[in-house]
Amino acid sequence: LAGVLSDPTVRGRGLGKAVVATCLALVDDGTFPCSFFQTGVPEFYRKLGAREVPMTIVNSLAVREDICPFWDKFAMVYPADFAWPQGQIDTLGPGW
């Protein structure tokens, strides 16, 4: 997913939540152990059961490794109780 948006005339109907919940269901059903993602709206995802993971994220292949490759401010993991490791994450490429 990228840029989960809805037309202003239909906002408030839960369409964004339904789209994201459908994707997160792939974690709930065991297809994937977790979902790690970036967002600018962490409160939306907290309500769905995710949590922020405060860590350093780098791209060691970039010219400037000290610049986070994510374009959004918050890194999150779903489900919130997933045992996410401590430390630095190297994306080995541009943000995704």
Protein backbone atom coordinates (compact mmCIF):
# COMPACT_ATOMS: atom_id res chain seq x y z
CA LEU A 1 0.00 0.00 0.00
CA ALA A 2 1.07 3.57 -0.58
CA GLY A 3 -1.00 6.67 0.03
CA VAL A 4 -4.25 5.18 1.27
CA LEU A 5 -6.64 7.98 0.34
CA SER A 6 -10.32 8.50 -0.28
CA ASP A 7 -12.32 11.13 -2.07
CA PRO A 8 -13.44 13.87 0.35
CA THR A 9 -17.08 13.21 -0.51
CA VAL A 10 -16.92 9.66 0.88
CA ARG A 11 -14.61 10.14 3.85
CA GLY A 12 -15.78 8.87 7.20
CA ARG A 13 -17.35 5.71 5.79
CA GLY A 14 -14.47 3.45 6.82
CA LEU A 15 -13.25 2.77 3.29
CA GLY A 16 -9.57 3.39 4.13
CA LYS A 17 -9.86 1.22 7.20
CA ALA A 18 -11.44 -1.57 5.14
CA VAL A 19 -8.64 -1.49 2.55
CA VAL A 20 -5.88 -1.56 5.18
CA ALA A 21 -7.65 -4.21 7.29
CA THR A 22 -7.91 -6.44 4.20
CA CYS A 23 -4.14 -6.20 3.72
CA LEU A 24 -3.40 -6.73 7.42
CA ALA A 25 -5.59 -9.84 7.34
CA LEU A 26 -2.68 -11.52 5.52
CA VAL A 27 -0.78 -11.20 8.80
CA ASP A 28 -3.76 -12.28 10.89
CA ASP A 29 -4.24 -15.45 8.85
CA GLY A 30 -0.55 -16.39 9.10
CA THR A 31 0.42 -15.70 5.48
CA PHE A 32 3.02 -13.24 6.79
CA PRO A 33 4.43 -13.05 10.34
CA CYS A 34 4.17 -9.25 10.49
CA SER A 35 3.96 -6.06 8.48
CA PHE A 36 6.67 -3.39 8.74
CA PHE A 37 5.83 -0.08 7.12
CA GLN A 38 6.22 3.68 7.14
CA THR A 39 3.46 6.23 7.62
CA GLY A 40 2.75 9.86 8.34
CA VAL A 41 -0.44 9.00 10.26
CA PRO A 42 0.54 6.60 13.04
CA GLU A 43 -2.68 7.15 15.00
CA PHE A 44 -4.71 5.59 12.16
CA TYR A 45 -2.60 2.43 12.30
CA ARG A 46 -2.49 2.31 16.11
CA LYS A 47 -6.28 2.03 16.05
CA LEU A 48 -5.88 -1.01 13.78
CA GLY A 49 -3.43 -2.71 16.13
CA ALA A 50 0.01 -1.52 15.00
CA ARG A 51 2.73 0.21 17.01
CA GLU A 52 5.60 2.53 16.27
CA VAL A 53 9.10 1.05 16.26
CA PRO A 54 11.63 3.74 17.19
CA MET A 55 14.84 2.76 15.45
CA THR A 56 17.45 4.03 13.06
CA ILE A 57 16.72 3.14 9.45
CA VAL A 58 19.52 3.53 6.92
CA ASN A 59 20.38 2.70 3.34
CA SER A 60 24.02 1.66 3.36
CA LEU A 61 24.06 1.73 -0.45
CA ALA A 62 23.20 5.44 -0.59
CA VAL A 63 25.71 8.23 -1.07
CA ARG A 64 24.70 9.57 2.36
CA GLU A 65 24.00 6.65 4.66
CA ASP A 66 22.95 9.00 7.48
CA ILE A 67 19.73 10.04 5.70
CA CYS A 68 16.72 7.83 6.43
CA PRO A 69 15.47 6.20 3.20
CA PHE A 70 11.85 6.39 4.35
CA TRP A 71 9.88 9.41 3.19
CA ASP A 72 7.39 9.22 6.08
CA LYS A 73 8.32 10.03 9.66
CA PHE A 74 7.04 6.92 11.46
CA ALA A 75 8.08 3.27 11.13
CA MET A 76 5.48 0.81 12.43
CA VAL A 77 4.94 -2.88 12.88
CA TYR A 78 1.72 -4.91 12.89
CA PRO A 79 0.65 -6.59 15.08
CA ALA A 80 1.65 -4.40 18.00
CA ASP A 81 2.77 -7.37 20.10
CA PHE A 82 5.16 -8.69 17.42
CA ALA A 83 8.64 -9.17 18.91
CA TRP A 84 10.41 -6.62 16.73
CA PRO A 85 14.22 -6.56 17.18
CA GLN A 86 16.15 -3.61 18.57
CA GLY A 87 18.83 -1.77 16.64
CA GLN A 88 19.37 -0.42 13.18
CA ILE A 89 17.62 -1.54 10.00
CA ASP A 90 19.42 -1.32 6.67
CA THR A 91 17.01 -1.25 3.73
CA LEU A 92 19.89 -1.89 1.30
CA GLY A 93 18.18 0.45 -1.15
CA PRO A 94 15.72 3.33 -1.41
CA GLY A 95 12.67 3.54 0.85
CA TRP A 96 9.72 1.36 -0.10
